[in-house]
Amino acid sequence: MNPWMIGGLVCVGALVIIAVIAIGIVWSAYNNLVKFDEEANNGFADINVACKLRYDLIPNLVAVAKQFMSHERETLEAVIQARNQAQSSLQTAAANPGDSGAVAAFAQAENALAGSMGKIMALAEAYPELKSDTQMVQLQTELSETEDKIARARERFNDQVTRFNVHRKTLPTVLFAGMLGFATDRDLLEFEDQEQISKAVDVGAMFDS
């Protein structure tokens, strides 16, 4: 066989091997991007479930509080409005948890809801009967448990988003992530003042004193 032909075949074989390796690298990176992206979506689904439980409990809380705080109607109505807005924002974000705008809007709505709940907490100090009411104590327990679920779900979601973002920016994935449909990082679910919000939504604090 002609040495030139042998050399050509060797070059072709080398190119084929390189192409197979490259395709394998891209294929593996794509599969991992999809895997981590889907894990983050599932993580937000857990947030969705836990938040829905809280949204179902809040109207009951307001109804009980209204029996003792009839003069605070404006504050109580503000809680319901904030709850409805948060619920609507959650539905939008849950439909596409990879949408940074939707996730940010949900976080903002949760921030507003926490502020409204905080006002009820402050006002409740002037109503001892409300703090000792059996229904309210039960709601406090259920809400506190739900808040724990939300906190854990949000922590898992942020961990999953971080894993996706790190993989997306790691070589060699970062070289072709955009071409594979993953051009940008996903956003974490964060709040403006996490410590303040955590305290505000802790309805149990209403009953500590």
C-alpha atoms as a PDB file:
ATOM      1  CA  MET A   1       0.000   0.000   0.000  1.00  0.00           C
ATOM      2  CA  ASN A   2       1.176   3.468  -0.857  1.00  0.00           C
ATOM      3  CA  PRO A   3       2.806   5.200   2.147  1.00  0.00           C
ATOM      4  CA  TRP A   4       0.822   8.320   1.335  1.00  0.00           C
ATOM      5  CA  MET A   5      -2.402   6.334   1.465  1.00  0.00           C
ATOM      6  CA  ILE A   6      -1.382   4.781   4.772  1.00  0.00           C
ATOM      7  CA  GLY A   7      -0.617   8.213   6.164  1.00  0.00           C
ATOM      8  CA  GLY A   8      -3.966   9.483   4.940  1.00  0.00           C
ATOM      9  CA  LEU A   9      -5.828   6.639   6.585  1.00  0.00           C
ATOM     10  CA  VAL A  10      -3.993   7.267   9.835  1.00  0.00           C
ATOM     11  CA  CYS A  11      -4.947  10.937   9.710  1.00  0.00           C
ATOM     12  CA  VAL A  12      -8.566  10.094   8.976  1.00  0.00           C
ATOM     13  CA  GLY A  13      -8.618   7.563  11.801  1.00  0.00           C
ATOM     14  CA  ALA A  14      -7.132  10.108  14.189  1.00  0.00           C
ATOM     15  CA  LEU A  15      -9.698  12.681  13.166  1.00  0.00           C
ATOM     16  CA  VAL A  16     -12.509  10.185  13.678  1.00  0.00           C
ATOM     17  CA  ILE A  17     -11.211   9.336  17.137  1.00  0.00           C
ATOM     18  CA  ILE A  18     -10.921  13.034  18.030  1.00  0.00           C
ATOM     19  CA  ALA A  19     -14.450  13.662  16.733  1.00  0.00           C
ATOM     20  CA  VAL A  20     -15.849  10.758  18.755  1.00  0.00           C
ATOM     21  CA  ILE A  21     -14.093  12.018  21.889  1.00  0.00           C
ATOM     22  CA  ALA A  22     -15.374  15.564  21.297  1.00  0.00           C
ATOM     23  CA  ILE A  23     -18.909  14.343  20.729  1.00  0.00           C
ATOM     24  CA  GLY A  24     -18.661  12.266  23.890  1.00  0.00           C
ATOM     25  CA  ILE A  25     -17.518  15.281  25.914  1.00  0.00           C
ATOM     26  CA  VAL A  26     -20.317  17.477  24.572  1.00  0.00           C
ATOM     27  CA  TRP A  27     -22.879  14.718  25.064  1.00  0.00           C
ATOM     28  CA  SER A  28     -21.820  14.157  28.665  1.00  0.00           C
ATOM     29  CA  ALA A  29     -21.809  17.887  29.421  1.00  0.00           C
ATOM     30  CA  TYR A  30     -25.261  18.309  27.906  1.00  0.00           C
ATOM     31  CA  ASN A  31     -26.690  15.394  29.855  1.00  0.00           C
ATOM     32  CA  ASN A  32     -25.311  16.812  33.096  1.00  0.00           C
ATOM     33  CA  LEU A  33     -26.686  20.269  32.311  1.00  0.00           C
ATOM     34  CA  VAL A  34     -30.117  18.768  31.721  1.00  0.00           C
ATOM     35  CA  LYS A  35     -29.827  16.637  34.856  1.00  0.00           C
ATOM     36  CA  PHE A  36     -28.833  19.525  37.144  1.00  0.00           C
ATOM     37  CA  ASP A  37     -31.380  21.845  35.546  1.00  0.00           C
ATOM     38  CA  GLU A  38     -34.154  19.322  36.104  1.00  0.00           C
ATOM     39  CA  GLU A  39     -33.053  18.749  39.699  1.00  0.00           C
ATOM     40  CA  ALA A  40     -33.373  22.492  40.310  1.00  0.00           C
ATOM     41  CA  ASN A  41     -36.841  22.491  38.749  1.00  0.00           C
ATOM     42  CA  ASN A  42     -37.858  19.645  41.024  1.00  0.00           C
ATOM     43  CA  GLY A  43     -36.397  21.545  43.956  1.00  0.00           C
ATOM     44  CA  PHE A  44     -38.616  24.504  43.202  1.00  0.00           C
ATOM     45  CA  ALA A  45     -41.576  22.141  42.988  1.00  0.00           C
ATOM     46  CA  ASP A  46     -40.963  21.289  46.662  1.00  0.00           C
ATOM     47  CA  ILE A  47     -41.028  25.028  47.467  1.00  0.00           C
ATOM     48  CA  ASN A  48     -44.275  25.281  45.546  1.00  0.00           C
ATOM     49  CA  VAL A  49     -45.923  22.537  47.608  1.00  0.00           C
ATOM     50  CA  ALA A  50     -44.753  23.943  50.950  1.00  0.00           C
ATOM     51  CA  CYS A  51     -45.771  27.521  50.108  1.00  0.00           C
ATOM     52  CA  LYS A  52     -49.219  26.385  49.007  1.00  0.00           C
ATOM     53  CA  LEU A  53     -49.705  24.836  52.432  1.00  0.00           C
ATOM     54  CA  ARG A  54     -48.840  28.160  54.058  1.00  0.00           C
ATOM     55  CA  TYR A  55     -51.094  30.111  51.717  1.00  0.00           C
ATOM     56  CA  ASP A  56     -53.961  27.810  52.675  1.00  0.00           C
ATOM     57  CA  LEU A  57     -53.350  28.450  56.377  1.00  0.00           C
ATOM     58  CA  ILE A  58     -53.059  32.239  56.264  1.00  0.00           C
ATOM     59  CA  PRO A  59     -56.767  32.957  55.572  1.00  0.00           C
ATOM     60  CA  ASN A  60     -57.634  30.812  58.595  1.00  0.00           C
ATOM     61  CA  LEU A  61     -55.164  32.803  60.685  1.00  0.00           C
ATOM     62  CA  VAL A  62     -56.719  36.070  59.537  1.00  0.00           C
ATOM     63  CA  ALA A  63     -60.246  34.797  60.181  1.00  0.00           C
ATOM     64  CA  VAL A  64     -59.389  33.891  63.769  1.00  0.00           C
ATOM     65  CA  ALA A  65     -57.471  37.120  64.335  1.00  0.00           C
ATOM     66  CA  LYS A  66     -60.396  39.149  63.014  1.00  0.00           C
ATOM     67  CA  GLN A  67     -62.534  37.908  65.918  1.00  0.00           C
ATOM     68  CA  PHE A  68     -60.200  39.659  68.353  1.00  0.00           C
ATOM     69  CA  MET A  69     -58.759  42.423  66.178  1.00  0.00           C
ATOM     70  CA  SER A  70     -61.844  43.813  64.487  1.00  0.00           C
ATOM     71  CA  HIS A  71     -60.398  47.333  64.650  1.00  0.00           C
ATOM     72  CA  GLU A  72     -57.356  46.240  62.642  1.00  0.00           C
ATOM     73  CA  ARG A  73     -59.309  45.476  59.499  1.00  0.00           C
ATOM     74  CA  GLU A  74     -56.934  47.317  57.188  1.00  0.00           C
ATOM     75  CA  THR A  75     -53.933  45.366  58.436  1.00  0.00           C
ATOM     76  CA  LEU A  76     -55.752  42.057  58.150  1.00  0.00           C
ATOM     77  CA  GLU A  77     -56.908  42.815  54.622  1.00  0.00           C
ATOM     78  CA  ALA A  78     -53.348  43.760  53.686  1.00  0.00           C
ATOM     79  CA  VAL A  79     -52.214  40.292  54.752  1.00  0.00           C
ATOM     80  CA  ILE A  80     -54.777  38.649  52.473  1.00  0.00           C
ATOM     81  CA  GLN A  81     -53.791  40.893  49.575  1.00  0.00           C
ATOM     82  CA  ALA A  82     -50.110  40.119  50.104  1.00  0.00           C
ATOM     83  CA  ARG A  83     -50.902  36.431  50.373  1.00  0.00           C
ATOM     84  CA  ASN A  84     -52.863  36.502  47.101  1.00  0.00           C
ATOM     85  CA  GLN A  85     -50.037  38.331  45.340  1.00  0.00           C
ATOM     86  CA  ALA A  86     -47.479  35.858  46.643  1.00  0.00           C
ATOM     87  CA  GLN A  87     -49.652  32.963  45.537  1.00  0.00           C
ATOM     88  CA  SER A  88     -50.001  34.423  42.043  1.00  0.00           C
ATOM     89  CA  SER A  89     -46.252  35.055  41.812  1.00  0.00           C
ATOM     90  CA  LEU A  90     -45.563  31.513  42.965  1.00  0.00           C
ATOM     91  CA  GLN A  91     -47.767  30.084  40.209  1.00  0.00           C
ATOM     92  CA  THR A  92     -45.850  32.062  37.598  1.00  0.00           C
ATOM     93  CA  ALA A  93     -42.462  31.042  38.984  1.00  0.00           C
ATOM     94  CA  ALA A  94     -43.490  27.397  39.372  1.00  0.00           C
ATOM     95  CA  ALA A  95     -44.472  27.303  35.698  1.00  0.00           C
ATOM     96  CA  ASN A  96     -40.904  28.276  34.769  1.00  0.00           C
ATOM     97  CA  PRO A  97     -38.504  28.227  37.731  1.00  0.00           C
ATOM     98  CA  GLY A  98     -35.625  28.899  35.379  1.00  0.00           C
ATOM     99  CA  ASP A  99     -37.017  32.365  34.608  1.00  0.00           C
ATOM    100  CA  SER A 100     -34.969  34.789  36.704  1.00  0.00           C
ATOM    101  CA  GLY A 101     -37.640  37.495  36.483  1.00  0.00           C
ATOM    102  CA  ALA A 102     -40.363  35.172  37.753  1.00  0.00           C
ATOM    103  CA  VAL A 103     -38.221  33.921  40.636  1.00  0.00           C
ATOM    104  CA  ALA A 104     -37.284  37.503  41.588  1.00  0.00           C
ATOM    105  CA  ALA A 105     -40.945  38.575  41.512  1.00  0.00           C
ATOM    106  CA  PHE A 106     -41.854  35.645  43.751  1.00  0.00           C
ATOM    107  CA  ALA A 107     -39.120  36.582  46.225  1.00  0.00           C
ATOM    108  CA  GLN A 108     -40.367  40.175  46.266  1.00  0.00           C
ATOM    109  CA  ALA A 109     -43.946  39.050  46.879  1.00  0.00           C
ATOM    110  CA  GLU A 110     -42.797  36.815  49.726  1.00  0.00           C
ATOM    111  CA  ASN A 111     -40.951  39.776  51.178  1.00  0.00           C
ATOM    112  CA  ALA A 112     -44.165  41.836  51.138  1.00  0.00           C
ATOM    113  CA  LEU A 113     -46.121  38.986  52.721  1.00  0.00           C
ATOM    114  CA  ALA A 114     -43.539  38.653  55.474  1.00  0.00           C
ATOM    115  CA  GLY A 115     -43.868  42.368  56.202  1.00  0.00           C
ATOM    116  CA  SER A 116     -47.645  42.074  56.507  1.00  0.00           C
ATOM    117  CA  MET A 117     -47.340  39.062  58.792  1.00  0.00           C
ATOM    118  CA  GLY A 118     -44.871  41.000  60.901  1.00  0.00           C
ATOM    119  CA  LYS A 119     -47.445  43.720  61.485  1.00  0.00           C
ATOM    120  CA  ILE A 120     -49.947  41.170  62.772  1.00  0.00           C
ATOM    121  CA  MET A 121     -47.312  39.840  65.136  1.00  0.00           C
ATOM    122  CA  ALA A 122     -46.689  43.298  66.540  1.00  0.00           C
ATOM    123  CA  LEU A 123     -50.383  44.075  66.958  1.00  0.00           C
ATOM    124  CA  ALA A 124     -51.144  40.697  68.532  1.00  0.00           C
ATOM    125  CA  GLU A 125     -49.155  41.682  71.617  1.00  0.00           C
ATOM    126  CA  ALA A 126     -52.075  43.903  72.619  1.00  0.00           C
ATOM    127  CA  TYR A 127     -54.586  41.022  72.438  1.00  0.00           C
ATOM    128  CA  PRO A 128     -53.868  38.371  75.115  1.00  0.00           C
ATOM    129  CA  GLU A 129     -57.068  36.512  74.246  1.00  0.00           C
ATOM    130  CA  LEU A 130     -55.880  36.057  70.688  1.00  0.00           C
ATOM    131  CA  LYS A 131     -52.525  34.667  71.801  1.00  0.00           C
ATOM    132  CA  SER A 132     -54.198  32.068  73.998  1.00  0.00           C
ATOM    133  CA  ASP A 133     -56.974  31.105  71.578  1.00  0.00           C
ATOM    134  CA  THR A 134     -56.935  27.346  70.872  1.00  0.00           C
ATOM    135  CA  GLN A 135     -57.442  27.731  67.140  1.00  0.00           C
ATOM    136  CA  MET A 136     -54.690  30.299  66.898  1.00  0.00           C
ATOM    137  CA  VAL A 137     -52.268  28.119  68.831  1.00  0.00           C
ATOM    138  CA  GLN A 138     -52.996  25.242  66.447  1.00  0.00           C
ATOM    139  CA  LEU A 139     -52.523  27.480  63.424  1.00  0.00           C
ATOM    140  CA  GLN A 140     -49.271  28.729  64.907  1.00  0.00           C
ATOM    141  CA  THR A 141     -47.986  25.174  65.172  1.00  0.00           C
ATOM    142  CA  GLU A 142     -48.978  24.299  61.616  1.00  0.00           C
ATOM    143  CA  LEU A 143     -47.519  27.499  60.198  1.00  0.00           C
ATOM    144  CA  SER A 144     -44.244  27.046  62.055  1.00  0.00           C
ATOM    145  CA  GLU A 145     -43.928  23.502  60.713  1.00  0.00           C
ATOM    146  CA  THR A 146     -44.723  24.748  57.217  1.00  0.00           C
ATOM    147  CA  GLU A 147     -42.127  27.497  57.493  1.00  0.00           C
ATOM    148  CA  ASP A 148     -39.521  24.867  58.365  1.00  0.00           C
ATOM    149  CA  LYS A 149     -40.491  22.906  55.250  1.00  0.00           C
ATOM    150  CA  ILE A 150     -40.201  26.021  53.094  1.00  0.00           C
ATOM    151  CA  ALA A 151     -36.791  26.876  54.539  1.00  0.00           C
ATOM    152  CA  ARG A 152     -35.456  23.376  53.917  1.00  0.00           C
ATOM    153  CA  ALA A 153     -36.909  23.256  50.395  1.00  0.00           C
ATOM    154  CA  ARG A 154     -35.447  26.653  49.539  1.00  0.00           C
ATOM    155  CA  GLU A 155     -32.028  25.615  50.844  1.00  0.00           C
ATOM    156  CA  ARG A 156     -32.111  22.471  48.690  1.00  0.00           C
ATOM    157  CA  PHE A 157     -33.213  24.502  45.669  1.00  0.00           C
ATOM    158  CA  ASN A 158     -30.359  26.972  46.094  1.00  0.00           C
ATOM    159  CA  ASP A 159     -27.899  24.097  46.444  1.00  0.00           C
ATOM    160  CA  GLN A 160     -29.222  22.544  43.234  1.00  0.00           C
ATOM    161  CA  VAL A 161     -29.062  25.870  41.383  1.00  0.00           C
ATOM    162  CA  THR A 162     -25.495  26.384  42.587  1.00  0.00           C
ATOM    163  CA  ARG A 163     -24.542  22.907  41.335  1.00  0.00           C
ATOM    164  CA  PHE A 164     -26.006  23.718  37.915  1.00  0.00           C
ATOM    165  CA  ASN A 165     -24.260  27.101  37.738  1.00  0.00           C
ATOM    166  CA  VAL A 166     -20.888  25.657  38.737  1.00  0.00           C
ATOM    167  CA  HIS A 167     -21.150  22.902  36.130  1.00  0.00           C
ATOM    168  CA  ARG A 168     -22.234  25.364  33.445  1.00  0.00           C
ATOM    169  CA  LYS A 169     -19.168  27.536  34.071  1.00  0.00           C
ATOM    170  CA  THR A 170     -16.681  24.683  34.377  1.00  0.00           C
ATOM    171  CA  LEU A 171     -14.379  23.719  31.510  1.00  0.00           C
ATOM    172  CA  PRO A 172     -15.064  22.321  29.010  1.00  0.00           C
ATOM    173  CA  THR A 173     -18.831  22.821  29.477  1.00  0.00           C
ATOM    174  CA  VAL A 174     -18.608  26.617  29.486  1.00  0.00           C
ATOM    175  CA  LEU A 175     -17.221  26.523  25.929  1.00  0.00           C
ATOM    176  CA  PHE A 176     -20.448  25.225  24.419  1.00  0.00           C
ATOM    177  CA  ALA A 177     -23.140  25.580  27.117  1.00  0.00           C
ATOM    178  CA  GLY A 178     -24.691  28.488  25.224  1.00  0.00           C
ATOM    179  CA  MET A 179     -24.964  26.457  22.033  1.00  0.00           C
ATOM    180  CA  LEU A 180     -26.685  23.712  24.011  1.00  0.00           C
ATOM    181  CA  GLY A 181     -29.380  26.107  25.256  1.00  0.00           C
ATOM    182  CA  PHE A 182     -27.861  26.981  28.634  1.00  0.00           C
ATOM    183  CA  ALA A 183     -26.389  30.418  27.996  1.00  0.00           C
ATOM    184  CA  THR A 184     -26.902  31.876  31.475  1.00  0.00           C
ATOM    185  CA  ASP A 185     -26.758  30.879  35.121  1.00  0.00           C
ATOM    186  CA  ARG A 186     -29.929  30.237  37.079  1.00  0.00           C
ATOM    187  CA  ASP A 187     -30.864  32.616  39.900  1.00  0.00           C
ATOM    188  CA  LEU A 188     -30.901  31.644  43.555  1.00  0.00           C
ATOM    189  CA  LEU A 189     -34.070  32.247  45.544  1.00  0.00           C
ATOM    190  CA  GLU A 190     -32.987  35.028  47.863  1.00  0.00           C
ATOM    191  CA  PHE A 191     -34.661  37.714  49.940  1.00  0.00           C
ATOM    192  CA  GLU A 192     -33.669  41.284  50.693  1.00  0.00           C
ATOM    193  CA  ASP A 193     -33.212  40.639  54.414  1.00  0.00           C
ATOM    194  CA  GLN A 194     -33.298  36.920  55.150  1.00  0.00           C
ATOM    195  CA  GLU A 195     -33.033  37.217  58.937  1.00  0.00           C
ATOM    196  CA  GLN A 196     -35.810  39.787  59.147  1.00  0.00           C
ATOM    197  CA  ILE A 197     -38.109  37.743  56.919  1.00  0.00           C
ATOM    198  CA  SER A 198     -37.467  34.557  58.864  1.00  0.00           C
ATOM    199  CA  LYS A 199     -38.559  36.327  62.037  1.00  0.00           C
ATOM    200  CA  ALA A 200     -41.556  37.960  60.389  1.00  0.00           C
ATOM    201  CA  VAL A 201     -43.038  34.731  59.128  1.00  0.00           C
ATOM    202  CA  ASP A 202     -42.447  32.970  62.451  1.00  0.00           C
ATOM    203  CA  VAL A 203     -45.992  33.307  63.692  1.00  0.00           C
ATOM    204  CA  GLY A 204     -45.003  31.285  66.720  1.00  0.00           C
ATOM    205  CA  ALA A 205     -43.328  34.353  68.137  1.00  0.00           C
ATOM    206  CA  MET A 206     -46.820  35.718  68.756  1.00  0.00           C
ATOM    207  CA  PHE A 207     -47.279  33.156  71.478  1.00  0.00           C
ATOM    208  CA  ASP A 208     -43.899  33.137  73.179  1.00  0.00           C
ATOM    209  CA  SER A 209     -44.757  35.775  75.758  1.00  0.00           C
END
